[in-house]
Amino acid sequence: MNAFSRRGACPALSAPMQTGDGLLVRLNPVAGGLSPKSLIGLGESASRHGNGIMEVTARGSLQIRGLT
């Protein structure tokens, strides 16, 4: 089973999940959260390499969608 077909696993950068709009990854911010500069950088990367959608999950992870 490859990284794209695993169900139930958290889709990290090392093992993204294939979805209808591209790849999905979840990032878990370290204690203390993200600085504004880091958040801006992630947003720019999400726009450049995906569809620009970033969401905060119910468990506090940062989810980035539509990556290519």
Foldseek 3Di string as FASTA:
>chain_A
DALQPDPPDAAAPVRWYQDPQGTKHWAAADPPGDDPVVVVVVQVCLVVFAVSDWDQDPVGIIMRDGGD
